[in-house]
C-alpha atoms as a PDB file:
ATOM      1  CA  UNK A   1      12.122  12.387   5.293  1.00  0.00           C
ATOM      2  CA  UNK A   2      13.609   8.870   5.333  1.00  0.00           C
ATOM      3  CA  UNK A   3      12.863   7.304   2.092  1.00  0.00           C
ATOM      4  CA  UNK A   4      13.890  10.012  -0.500  1.00  0.00           C
ATOM      5  CA  UNK A   5      17.436  10.372   1.153  1.00  0.00           C
ATOM      6  CA  UNK A   6      17.679   6.575   0.929  1.00  0.00           C
ATOM      7  CA  UNK A   7      16.770   6.632  -2.760  1.00  0.00           C
ATOM      8  CA  UNK A   8      19.467   9.103  -3.312  1.00  0.00           C
ATOM      9  CA  UNK A   9      21.946   6.953  -1.320  1.00  0.00           C
ATOM     10  CA  UNK A  10      21.207   3.611  -3.037  1.00  0.00           C
ATOM     11  CA  UNK A  11      21.035   5.387  -6.516  1.00  0.00           C
ATOM     12  CA  UNK A  12      17.440   4.282  -7.265  1.00  0.00           C
ATOM     13  CA  UNK A  13      15.078   6.686  -8.938  1.00  0.00           C
ATOM     14  CA  UNK A  14      13.139   8.913  -6.650  1.00  0.00           C
ATOM     15  CA  UNK A  15      10.073   8.104  -8.536  1.00  0.00           C
ATOM     16  CA  UNK A  16      10.231   4.436  -7.870  1.00  0.00           C
ATOM     17  CA  UNK A  17      10.732   5.174  -4.119  1.00  0.00           C
ATOM     18  CA  UNK A  18       7.894   7.588  -4.060  1.00  0.00           C
ATOM     19  CA  UNK A  19       5.581   5.276  -5.841  1.00  0.00           C
ATOM     20  CA  UNK A  20       6.444   2.496  -3.303  1.00  0.00           C
ATOM     21  CA  UNK A  21       5.783   4.782  -0.302  1.00  0.00           C
ATOM     22  CA  UNK A  22       2.420   6.127  -1.739  1.00  0.00           C
ATOM     23  CA  UNK A  23       1.446   2.455  -2.726  1.00  0.00           C
ATOM     24  CA  UNK A  24       2.147   1.280   0.673  1.00  0.00           C
ATOM     25  CA  UNK A  25       0.166   4.139   2.348  1.00  0.00           C
ATOM     26  CA  UNK A  26      -2.788   3.285   0.221  1.00  0.00           C
ATOM     27  CA  UNK A  27      -2.543  -0.335   1.014  1.00  0.00           C
ATOM     28  CA  UNK A  28      -2.359   0.314   4.795  1.00  0.00           C
ATOM     29  CA  UNK A  29      -5.324   2.716   4.622  1.00  0.00           C
ATOM     30  CA  UNK A  30      -7.433   0.088   2.694  1.00  0.00           C
ATOM     31  CA  UNK A  31      -6.639  -2.963   5.096  1.00  0.00           C
ATOM     32  CA  UNK A  32      -6.160  -1.375   8.431  1.00  0.00           C
ATOM     33  CA  UNK A  33      -8.928  -1.767  10.968  1.00  0.00           C
ATOM     34  CA  UNK A  34      -7.881   1.540  12.478  1.00  0.00           C
ATOM     35  CA  UNK A  35      -8.437   3.327   9.240  1.00  0.00           C
ATOM     36  CA  UNK A  36     -11.115   6.017   9.295  1.00  0.00           C
ATOM     37  CA  UNK A  37     -12.247   5.042   5.840  1.00  0.00           C
ATOM     38  CA  UNK A  38     -12.601   1.391   6.768  1.00  0.00           C
ATOM     39  CA  UNK A  39     -14.623   2.390   9.877  1.00  0.00           C
ATOM     40  CA  UNK A  40     -16.785   4.825   7.994  1.00  0.00           C
ATOM     41  CA  UNK A  41     -17.381   2.316   5.221  1.00  0.00           C
ATOM     42  CA  UNK A  42     -18.477  -0.354   7.705  1.00  0.00           C
ATOM     43  CA  UNK A  43     -20.661   2.158   9.641  1.00  0.00           C
ATOM     44  CA  UNK A  44     -22.244   3.304   6.447  1.00  0.00           C
ATOM     45  CA  UNK A  45     -23.149  -0.192   5.182  1.00  0.00           C
ATOM     46  CA  UNK A  46     -24.315  -1.234   8.800  1.00  0.00           C
ATOM     47  CA  UNK A  47     -21.935  -4.244   8.742  1.00  0.00           C
ATOM     48  CA  UNK A  48     -19.583  -5.723  11.346  1.00  0.00           C
ATOM     49  CA  UNK A  49     -16.351  -3.802  11.302  1.00  0.00           C
ATOM     50  CA  UNK A  50     -14.091  -6.904  11.493  1.00  0.00           C
ATOM     51  CA  UNK A  51     -16.181  -8.542   8.735  1.00  0.00           C
ATOM     52  CA  UNK A  52     -15.659  -5.535   6.426  1.00  0.00           C
ATOM     53  CA  UNK A  53     -11.920  -5.461   7.068  1.00  0.00           C
ATOM     54  CA  UNK A  54     -11.525  -9.251   6.349  1.00  0.00           C
ATOM     55  CA  UNK A  55     -13.658  -9.059   3.123  1.00  0.00           C
ATOM     56  CA  UNK A  56     -11.525  -6.281   1.843  1.00  0.00           C
ATOM     57  CA  UNK A  57      -8.227  -8.218   2.366  1.00  0.00           C
ATOM     58  CA  UNK A  58      -8.425 -10.384  -0.983  1.00  0.00           C
ATOM     59  CA  UNK A  59      -9.103  -7.038  -2.905  1.00  0.00           C
ATOM     60  CA  UNK A  60      -6.102  -5.371  -1.512  1.00  0.00           C
ATOM     61  CA  UNK A  61      -3.650  -8.322  -1.251  1.00  0.00           C
ATOM     62  CA  UNK A  62      -3.749  -9.350  -4.955  1.00  0.00           C
ATOM     63  CA  UNK A  63      -2.913  -5.971  -6.289  1.00  0.00           C
ATOM     64  CA  UNK A  64      -0.336  -5.459  -3.490  1.00  0.00           C
ATOM     65  CA  UNK A  65       1.536  -8.666  -4.640  1.00  0.00           C
ATOM     66  CA  UNK A  66       1.363  -7.593  -8.215  1.00  0.00           C
ATOM     67  CA  UNK A  67       2.716  -4.158  -7.266  1.00  0.00           C
ATOM     68  CA  UNK A  68       5.427  -5.586  -5.168  1.00  0.00           C
ATOM     69  CA  UNK A  69       6.517  -7.853  -8.034  1.00  0.00           C
ATOM     70  CA  UNK A  70       6.510  -4.823 -10.282  1.00  0.00           C
ATOM     71  CA  UNK A  71       8.600  -2.799  -7.848  1.00  0.00           C
ATOM     72  CA  UNK A  72      11.092  -5.581  -7.482  1.00  0.00           C
ATOM     73  CA  UNK A  73      11.467  -5.934 -11.208  1.00  0.00           C
ATOM     74  CA  UNK A  74      11.552  -2.005 -11.732  1.00  0.00           C
ATOM     75  CA  UNK A  75      14.258  -1.795  -8.904  1.00  0.00           C
ATOM     76  CA  UNK A  76      16.375  -4.600 -10.662  1.00  0.00           C
ATOM     77  CA  UNK A  77      16.145  -2.875 -14.110  1.00  0.00           C
ATOM     78  CA  UNK A  78      16.947   0.502 -12.660  1.00  0.00           C
ATOM     79  CA  UNK A  79      19.915  -0.754 -10.552  1.00  0.00           C
END
């Protein structure tokens, strides 16, 4: 309810803003220690939960950095 009107207000493509929101949600789900998928994964693997979250960080931060750079480039090209 906040992002899509913002996209219209600043004249960015709605698809770009929606992609950013969905990407951020997936990143948060993958890296948050409170995420149900992280908890279930660490329980299923019988590993320490904090260790599981810490080992997932590099696998999430690299694509997040690349996605952030791509979103900045797309925003500059669209604007």
